[in-house]
Structure formats: structure tokens, C-alpha cells
């Protein structure tokens, strides 16, 4: 009986992932399949990289930027083949993402509410990081403001604000309801509602102050 219940939970989790990927595609947010935690064995990540430095939080393919799609048939085919795959959202296309420590994110949300500031979707990554979705600035004139800050890229953080990452072009984030090792999840704190995304430079000021306050 317990085994049956466990199987039902696993099927429900897989169906939820496929449905979420489909919803992002229909929303106009390109997505791609990502690695996921393993059920057992010596590795915590489904990829074949020994000692994966970012388990279950990276794309399956090195060509993820090229493959990311909003095509319903493509997305359905991916998750039919790999129902446990996490969901990767490329940044710098529809949106950018500020990625900050959870404590700083909580401070920022409190200030945003107190001051009535605009805020877009916000997600929690395993209770450790907060993702703030903002309007993308497209192709910037000042290259020094921008970088790819996903795994293995440099710089990884905003120099003036330790702990903050600005995911823009050539980068990505892990989307809800992706699952991380040891029972952690990516979950929406403020889900997307179709409203306009906030200006990144206005929110950058709030998040920078919050990172300093949370240290």
C-alpha cells in the first residue's frame, strides 16, 4: 500500500513538472529541460558529471540556449521523454532575474510592501535564495553592467553587492516547481500574474540595500 502511494506521489510530481513547463511556454517564457535529483545511488544529480558542482540546478544540454522553446509540442515531447526533468528558464529574453540570499529577499519584500513599490514574480530556491523577475534591458550599451552568471562563468556576482547575481543574457534560472536534492524545492512566493515587470534599475537599488542590511 505504501509503495502504491509512493508511486502515485511520483506520478503526480512528474505530471506537475510537465504541466508547469507547458504553462511557461504558453505564457511566452522559453524553457528547457534540466537535470534532477536522483532517487538513490552515489550521486545526487541525474547528470553524468562526477561531483556535479550544481546538482539538479543546470540544463541537461550544453545547447540549452539554442534549444529553449515556447513550442507546445516541443515542450510536451521533452517532458514526455524525461518526466522528472527540472525546468530551466533562460534570462535576458523576456525577463532578467536578480538572485539574492533569502534573508536579503525577505528584507527587500518587506520594504517593497511598506513603500508600495512595483514588484514582479518572486521565487524561493530551496529557501536559500530569492529570485526577483524584472524587465530585461535587451542589448545593453554598457557591457560592464552585464554578464552571464550561471555556473562556471565569471563574474558570478555584482561586484559592489556581494551575494547578488544578475541573471541576464546567456544565463538562466531554475523555475518552480523544480526539485533540488534533499527535499528542497523551487517555489513561487509571488507567482506571475501577467502584469508588467518592474524596472530592474529601480529594484536593484532596493536589493542592494537589502543585501547590505541582511549581512
C-alpha atoms as a PDB file:
ATOM      1  CA  UNK A   1       0.000   0.000   0.000  1.00  0.00           C
ATOM      2  CA  UNK A   2       2.827   2.372   0.865  1.00  0.00           C
ATOM      3  CA  UNK A   3       4.553   1.546  -2.416  1.00  0.00           C
ATOM      4  CA  UNK A   4       1.379   2.349  -4.330  1.00  0.00           C
ATOM      5  CA  UNK A   5       1.022   5.662  -2.520  1.00  0.00           C
ATOM      6  CA  UNK A   6       4.663   6.466  -3.251  1.00  0.00           C
ATOM      7  CA  UNK A   7       4.168   5.719  -6.939  1.00  0.00           C
ATOM      8  CA  UNK A   8       1.127   7.988  -7.047  1.00  0.00           C
ATOM      9  CA  UNK A   9       3.119  10.810  -5.478  1.00  0.00           C
ATOM     10  CA  UNK A  10       5.918  10.337  -8.003  1.00  0.00           C
ATOM     11  CA  UNK A  11       3.462  10.372 -10.914  1.00  0.00           C
ATOM     12  CA  UNK A  12       1.777  13.478  -9.540  1.00  0.00           C
ATOM     13  CA  UNK A  13       5.139  15.227  -9.204  1.00  0.00           C
ATOM     14  CA  UNK A  14       6.084  14.344 -12.790  1.00  0.00           C
ATOM     15  CA  UNK A  15       2.708  15.488 -14.109  1.00  0.00           C
ATOM     16  CA  UNK A  16       3.094  18.740 -12.193  1.00  0.00           C
ATOM     17  CA  UNK A  17       6.502  19.397 -13.793  1.00  0.00           C
ATOM     18  CA  UNK A  18       5.211  18.795 -17.322  1.00  0.00           C
ATOM     19  CA  UNK A  19       2.146  20.980 -16.685  1.00  0.00           C
ATOM     20  CA  UNK A  20       4.326  23.805 -15.346  1.00  0.00           C
ATOM     21  CA  UNK A  21       6.690  23.650 -18.337  1.00  0.00           C
ATOM     22  CA  UNK A  22       3.685  23.750 -20.658  1.00  0.00           C
ATOM     23  CA  UNK A  23       2.274  26.746 -18.778  1.00  0.00           C
ATOM     24  CA  UNK A  24       5.552  28.678 -19.069  1.00  0.00           C
ATOM     25  CA  UNK A  25       5.634  28.007 -22.814  1.00  0.00           C
ATOM     26  CA  UNK A  26       2.051  29.186 -23.209  1.00  0.00           C
ATOM     27  CA  UNK A  27       2.938  32.259 -21.147  1.00  0.00           C
ATOM     28  CA  UNK A  28       5.627  33.092 -23.699  1.00  0.00           C
ATOM     29  CA  UNK A  29       8.550  32.139 -21.480  1.00  0.00           C
ATOM     30  CA  UNK A  30      11.023  29.841 -23.315  1.00  0.00           C
ATOM     31  CA  UNK A  31      12.062  26.832 -21.261  1.00  0.00           C
ATOM     32  CA  UNK A  32      14.377  23.846 -21.495  1.00  0.00           C
ATOM     33  CA  UNK A  33      14.718  20.609 -19.513  1.00  0.00           C
ATOM     34  CA  UNK A  34      17.162  20.484 -16.618  1.00  0.00           C
ATOM     35  CA  UNK A  35      18.866  17.863 -14.512  1.00  0.00           C
ATOM     36  CA  UNK A  36      17.041  16.493 -11.476  1.00  0.00           C
ATOM     37  CA  UNK A  37      17.863  14.757  -8.191  1.00  0.00           C
ATOM     38  CA  UNK A  38      18.403  11.007  -8.286  1.00  0.00           C
ATOM     39  CA  UNK A  39      16.302   8.585  -6.273  1.00  0.00           C
ATOM     40  CA  UNK A  40      19.324   6.690  -4.985  1.00  0.00           C
ATOM     41  CA  UNK A  41      22.898   5.688  -5.615  1.00  0.00           C
ATOM     42  CA  UNK A  42      26.104   7.590  -5.041  1.00  0.00           C
ATOM     43  CA  UNK A  43      25.167  10.731  -6.980  1.00  0.00           C
ATOM     44  CA  UNK A  44      22.625  13.405  -6.102  1.00  0.00           C
ATOM     45  CA  UNK A  45      22.332  14.716  -9.678  1.00  0.00           C
ATOM     46  CA  UNK A  46      20.973  12.920 -12.731  1.00  0.00           C
ATOM     47  CA  UNK A  47      23.817  14.183 -14.939  1.00  0.00           C
ATOM     48  CA  UNK A  48      26.896  12.083 -15.650  1.00  0.00           C
ATOM     49  CA  UNK A  49      29.314  14.629 -14.196  1.00  0.00           C
ATOM     50  CA  UNK A  50      31.211  13.183 -11.229  1.00  0.00           C
ATOM     51  CA  UNK A  51      30.952  15.575  -8.293  1.00  0.00           C
ATOM     52  CA  UNK A  52      28.496  17.869 -10.073  1.00  0.00           C
ATOM     53  CA  UNK A  53      29.022  21.327  -8.508  1.00  0.00           C
ATOM     54  CA  UNK A  54      25.404  22.426  -9.027  1.00  0.00           C
ATOM     55  CA  UNK A  55      23.315  19.253  -8.631  1.00  0.00           C
ATOM     56  CA  UNK A  56      19.852  19.299 -10.232  1.00  0.00           C
ATOM     57  CA  UNK A  57      20.182  23.026 -10.972  1.00  0.00           C
ATOM     58  CA  UNK A  58      21.575  23.112 -14.510  1.00  0.00           C
ATOM     59  CA  UNK A  59      20.354  22.346 -18.048  1.00  0.00           C
ATOM     60  CA  UNK A  60      20.541  18.849 -19.489  1.00  0.00           C
ATOM     61  CA  UNK A  61      22.162  20.084 -22.686  1.00  0.00           C
ATOM     62  CA  UNK A  62      25.029  22.453 -23.265  1.00  0.00           C
ATOM     63  CA  UNK A  63      22.948  23.829 -26.142  1.00  0.00           C
ATOM     64  CA  UNK A  64      20.136  24.875 -23.796  1.00  0.00           C
ATOM     65  CA  UNK A  65      20.161  28.476 -25.055  1.00  0.00           C
ATOM     66  CA  UNK A  66      19.588  27.310 -28.608  1.00  0.00           C
ATOM     67  CA  UNK A  67      17.015  24.663 -27.711  1.00  0.00           C
ATOM     68  CA  UNK A  68      14.844  26.649 -25.272  1.00  0.00           C
ATOM     69  CA  UNK A  69      11.370  26.870 -26.750  1.00  0.00           C
ATOM     70  CA  UNK A  70       7.796  28.055 -26.324  1.00  0.00           C
ATOM     71  CA  UNK A  71       6.523  25.458 -28.799  1.00  0.00           C
ATOM     72  CA  UNK A  72       3.874  23.375 -27.016  1.00  0.00           C
ATOM     73  CA  UNK A  73       4.663  20.219 -28.998  1.00  0.00           C
ATOM     74  CA  UNK A  74       8.392  20.514 -28.352  1.00  0.00           C
ATOM     75  CA  UNK A  75       7.892  21.078 -24.624  1.00  0.00           C
ATOM     76  CA  UNK A  76       5.417  18.186 -24.349  1.00  0.00           C
ATOM     77  CA  UNK A  77       7.860  15.902 -26.142  1.00  0.00           C
ATOM     78  CA  UNK A  78      10.721  16.842 -23.816  1.00  0.00           C
ATOM     79  CA  UNK A  79       8.810  16.136 -20.621  1.00  0.00           C
ATOM     80  CA  UNK A  80       7.160  13.002 -22.019  1.00  0.00           C
ATOM     81  CA  UNK A  81      10.685  11.659 -22.566  1.00  0.00           C
ATOM     82  CA  UNK A  82      12.103  12.984 -19.274  1.00  0.00           C
ATOM     83  CA  UNK A  83       9.174  13.486 -16.882  1.00  0.00           C
ATOM     84  CA  UNK A  84      11.471  14.118 -13.888  1.00  0.00           C
ATOM     85  CA  UNK A  85      13.403  16.912 -15.610  1.00  0.00           C
ATOM     86  CA  UNK A  86      13.546  20.231 -13.817  1.00  0.00           C
ATOM     87  CA  UNK A  87      12.633  23.432 -15.682  1.00  0.00           C
ATOM     88  CA  UNK A  88      15.245  25.879 -16.951  1.00  0.00           C
ATOM     89  CA  UNK A  89      14.183  29.424 -17.884  1.00  0.00           C
ATOM     90  CA  UNK A  90      16.687  31.424 -19.998  1.00  0.00           C
ATOM     91  CA  UNK A  91      17.104  35.040 -18.917  1.00  0.00           C
ATOM     92  CA  UNK A  92      17.799  38.141 -20.988  1.00  0.00           C
ATOM     93  CA  UNK A  93      14.938  37.403 -23.382  1.00  0.00           C
ATOM     94  CA  UNK A  94      11.560  38.044 -21.772  1.00  0.00           C
ATOM     95  CA  UNK A  95      12.954  38.974 -18.361  1.00  0.00           C
ATOM     96  CA  UNK A  96      16.096  39.303 -16.245  1.00  0.00           C
ATOM     97  CA  UNK A  97      16.361  37.913 -12.720  1.00  0.00           C
ATOM     98  CA  UNK A  98      18.019  39.293  -9.601  1.00  0.00           C
ATOM     99  CA  UNK A  99      19.174  36.397  -7.435  1.00  0.00           C
ATOM    100  CA  UNK A 100      19.825  37.246  -3.765  1.00  0.00           C
ATOM    101  CA  UNK A 101      20.206  35.419  -0.427  1.00  0.00           C
ATOM    102  CA  UNK A 102      16.853  34.571   1.144  1.00  0.00           C
ATOM    103  CA  UNK A 103      17.433  36.892   4.117  1.00  0.00           C
ATOM    104  CA  UNK A 104      18.033  39.826   1.764  1.00  0.00           C
ATOM    105  CA  UNK A 105      14.978  38.849  -0.265  1.00  0.00           C
ATOM    106  CA  UNK A 106      12.768  38.953   2.824  1.00  0.00           C
ATOM    107  CA  UNK A 107      14.120  42.383   3.778  1.00  0.00           C
ATOM    108  CA  UNK A 108      13.505  43.618   0.227  1.00  0.00           C
ATOM    109  CA  UNK A 109       9.934  42.312   0.091  1.00  0.00           C
ATOM    110  CA  UNK A 110       9.124  43.994   3.404  1.00  0.00           C
ATOM    111  CA  UNK A 111      10.457  47.321   2.111  1.00  0.00           C
ATOM    112  CA  UNK A 112       8.673  46.932  -1.219  1.00  0.00           C
ATOM    113  CA  UNK A 113       5.368  46.366   0.564  1.00  0.00           C
ATOM    114  CA  UNK A 114       5.993  49.191   3.033  1.00  0.00           C
ATOM    115  CA  UNK A 115       6.823  51.698   0.299  1.00  0.00           C
ATOM    116  CA  UNK A 116       4.283  50.442  -2.234  1.00  0.00           C
ATOM    117  CA  UNK A 117       6.951  49.766  -4.855  1.00  0.00           C
ATOM    118  CA  UNK A 118       6.300  47.732  -8.010  1.00  0.00           C
ATOM    119  CA  UNK A 119       7.376  44.096  -7.835  1.00  0.00           C
ATOM    120  CA  UNK A 120       7.055  41.235 -10.282  1.00  0.00           C
ATOM    121  CA  UNK A 121       7.201  37.469  -9.765  1.00  0.00           C
ATOM    122  CA  UNK A 122       9.388  36.265  -6.900  1.00  0.00           C
ATOM    123  CA  UNK A 123      10.501  32.681  -6.291  1.00  0.00           C
ATOM    124  CA  UNK A 124      12.340  30.888  -3.490  1.00  0.00           C
ATOM    125  CA  UNK A 125      15.110  28.436  -4.380  1.00  0.00           C
ATOM    126  CA  UNK A 126      15.197  25.843  -1.641  1.00  0.00           C
ATOM    127  CA  UNK A 127      14.630  28.515   0.994  1.00  0.00           C
ATOM    128  CA  UNK A 128      18.201  29.712   0.401  1.00  0.00           C
ATOM    129  CA  UNK A 129      17.909  32.208  -2.478  1.00  0.00           C
ATOM    130  CA  UNK A 130      15.164  34.538  -3.757  1.00  0.00           C
ATOM    131  CA  UNK A 131      14.670  35.244  -7.451  1.00  0.00           C
ATOM    132  CA  UNK A 132      13.184  38.614  -8.450  1.00  0.00           C
ATOM    133  CA  UNK A 133      11.933  38.719 -12.059  1.00  0.00           C
ATOM    134  CA  UNK A 134      12.354  42.114 -13.721  1.00  0.00           C
ATOM    135  CA  UNK A 135      12.074  43.620 -17.193  1.00  0.00           C
ATOM    136  CA  UNK A 136      15.003  42.748 -19.409  1.00  0.00           C
ATOM    137  CA  UNK A 137      17.137  45.585 -20.706  1.00  0.00           C
ATOM    138  CA  UNK A 138      17.779  43.825 -24.015  1.00  0.00           C
ATOM    139  CA  UNK A 139      21.101  44.587 -25.670  1.00  0.00           C
ATOM    140  CA  UNK A 140      22.944  46.975 -23.347  1.00  0.00           C
ATOM    141  CA  UNK A 141      25.220  49.774 -24.479  1.00  0.00           C
ATOM    142  CA  UNK A 142      27.424  49.469 -21.407  1.00  0.00           C
ATOM    143  CA  UNK A 143      28.850  45.947 -21.448  1.00  0.00           C
ATOM    144  CA  UNK A 144      30.303  46.422 -17.946  1.00  0.00           C
ATOM    145  CA  UNK A 145      26.791  46.286 -16.472  1.00  0.00           C
ATOM    146  CA  UNK A 146      26.152  42.797 -17.802  1.00  0.00           C
ATOM    147  CA  UNK A 147      27.484  39.297 -17.634  1.00  0.00           C
ATOM    148  CA  UNK A 148      26.481  35.694 -17.796  1.00  0.00           C
ATOM    149  CA  UNK A 149      26.332  34.481 -14.202  1.00  0.00           C
ATOM    150  CA  UNK A 150      25.355  30.856 -14.481  1.00  0.00           C
ATOM    151  CA  UNK A 151      27.644  28.023 -13.381  1.00  0.00           C
ATOM    152  CA  UNK A 152      31.281  28.202 -14.496  1.00  0.00           C
ATOM    153  CA  UNK A 153      31.031  31.831 -15.628  1.00  0.00           C
ATOM    154  CA  UNK A 154      32.763  34.899 -14.250  1.00  0.00           C
ATOM    155  CA  UNK A 155      31.974  37.194 -12.566  1.00  0.00           C
ATOM    156  CA  UNK A 156      29.343  35.368 -10.561  1.00  0.00           C
ATOM    157  CA  UNK A 157      28.068  38.279  -8.515  1.00  0.00           C
ATOM    158  CA  UNK A 158      27.530  42.023  -8.666  1.00  0.00           C
ATOM    159  CA  UNK A 159      30.913  43.377  -7.567  1.00  0.00           C
ATOM    160  CA  UNK A 160      29.514  46.180  -5.435  1.00  0.00           C
ATOM    161  CA  UNK A 161      26.913  43.945  -3.775  1.00  0.00           C
ATOM    162  CA  UNK A 162      28.295  40.629  -2.508  1.00  0.00           C
ATOM    163  CA  UNK A 163      25.733  37.866  -2.630  1.00  0.00           C
ATOM    164  CA  UNK A 164      23.684  39.303  -5.514  1.00  0.00           C
ATOM    165  CA  UNK A 165      23.636  37.819  -9.013  1.00  0.00           C
ATOM    166  CA  UNK A 166      22.094  39.463 -12.057  1.00  0.00           C
ATOM    167  CA  UNK A 167      20.913  36.806 -14.498  1.00  0.00           C
ATOM    168  CA  UNK A 168      20.644  38.375 -17.938  1.00  0.00           C
ATOM    169  CA  UNK A 169      21.656  37.279 -21.413  1.00  0.00           C
ATOM    170  CA  UNK A 170      23.339  33.880 -21.726  1.00  0.00           C
ATOM    171  CA  UNK A 171      22.188  32.925 -18.233  1.00  0.00           C
ATOM    172  CA  UNK A 172      19.250  31.016 -16.756  1.00  0.00           C
ATOM    173  CA  UNK A 173      17.346  30.258 -13.566  1.00  0.00           C
ATOM    174  CA  UNK A 174      15.644  27.177 -12.199  1.00  0.00           C
ATOM    175  CA  UNK A 175      11.855  27.571 -12.269  1.00  0.00           C
ATOM    176  CA  UNK A 176       9.119  26.335  -9.919  1.00  0.00           C
ATOM    177  CA  UNK A 177       8.204  23.573  -9.226  1.00  0.00           C
ATOM    178  CA  UNK A 178      11.722  22.222  -9.846  1.00  0.00           C
ATOM    179  CA  UNK A 179      13.089  19.907  -7.173  1.00  0.00           C
ATOM    180  CA  UNK A 180      16.528  20.091  -5.551  1.00  0.00           C
ATOM    181  CA  UNK A 181      18.417  17.418  -3.606  1.00  0.00           C
ATOM    182  CA  UNK A 182      17.429  16.627  -0.023  1.00  0.00           C
ATOM    183  CA  UNK A 183      13.767  17.528  -0.440  1.00  0.00           C
ATOM    184  CA  UNK A 184      14.251  21.197  -1.284  1.00  0.00           C
ATOM    185  CA  UNK A 185      12.108  22.855  -3.956  1.00  0.00           C
ATOM    186  CA  UNK A 186      11.826  25.970  -6.065  1.00  0.00           C
ATOM    187  CA  UNK A 187       8.501  27.633  -5.262  1.00  0.00           C
ATOM    188  CA  UNK A 188       6.681  30.833  -6.105  1.00  0.00           C
ATOM    189  CA  UNK A 189       6.346  33.441  -3.371  1.00  0.00           C
ATOM    190  CA  UNK A 190       4.658  35.792  -5.838  1.00  0.00           C
ATOM    191  CA  UNK A 191       3.617  33.899  -8.997  1.00  0.00           C
ATOM    192  CA  UNK A 192       3.466  35.659 -12.374  1.00  0.00           C
ATOM    193  CA  UNK A 193       0.135  37.403 -12.903  1.00  0.00           C
ATOM    194  CA  UNK A 194       0.523  38.849 -16.385  1.00  0.00           C
ATOM    195  CA  UNK A 195       1.325  42.319 -15.094  1.00  0.00           C
ATOM    196  CA  UNK A 196       4.263  44.431 -16.309  1.00  0.00           C
ATOM    197  CA  UNK A 197       7.670  43.534 -14.919  1.00  0.00           C
ATOM    198  CA  UNK A 198       9.385  46.193 -12.788  1.00  0.00           C
ATOM    199  CA  UNK A 199      12.301  48.339 -13.898  1.00  0.00           C
ATOM    200  CA  UNK A 200      15.497  46.459 -12.969  1.00  0.00           C
ATOM    201  CA  UNK A 201      17.453  49.578 -12.031  1.00  0.00           C
ATOM    202  CA  UNK A 202      14.781  50.673  -9.530  1.00  0.00           C
ATOM    203  CA  UNK A 203      14.688  47.248  -7.932  1.00  0.00           C
ATOM    204  CA  UNK A 204      18.482  46.988  -7.997  1.00  0.00           C
ATOM    205  CA  UNK A 205      18.684  49.853  -5.505  1.00  0.00           C
ATOM    206  CA  UNK A 206      16.266  48.117  -3.121  1.00  0.00           C
ATOM    207  CA  UNK A 207      18.007  44.753  -3.391  1.00  0.00           C
ATOM    208  CA  UNK A 208      21.467  46.251  -2.969  1.00  0.00           C
ATOM    209  CA  UNK A 209      20.371  47.958   0.251  1.00  0.00           C
ATOM    210  CA  UNK A 210      18.708  44.751   1.414  1.00  0.00           C
ATOM    211  CA  UNK A 211      21.829  42.671   0.811  1.00  0.00           C
ATOM    212  CA  UNK A 212      23.837  45.078   2.938  1.00  0.00           C
ATOM    213  CA  UNK A 213      21.172  45.126   5.670  1.00  0.00           C
ATOM    214  CA  UNK A 214      20.991  41.339   5.796  1.00  0.00           C
ATOM    215  CA  UNK A 215      24.736  40.800   6.228  1.00  0.00           C
END
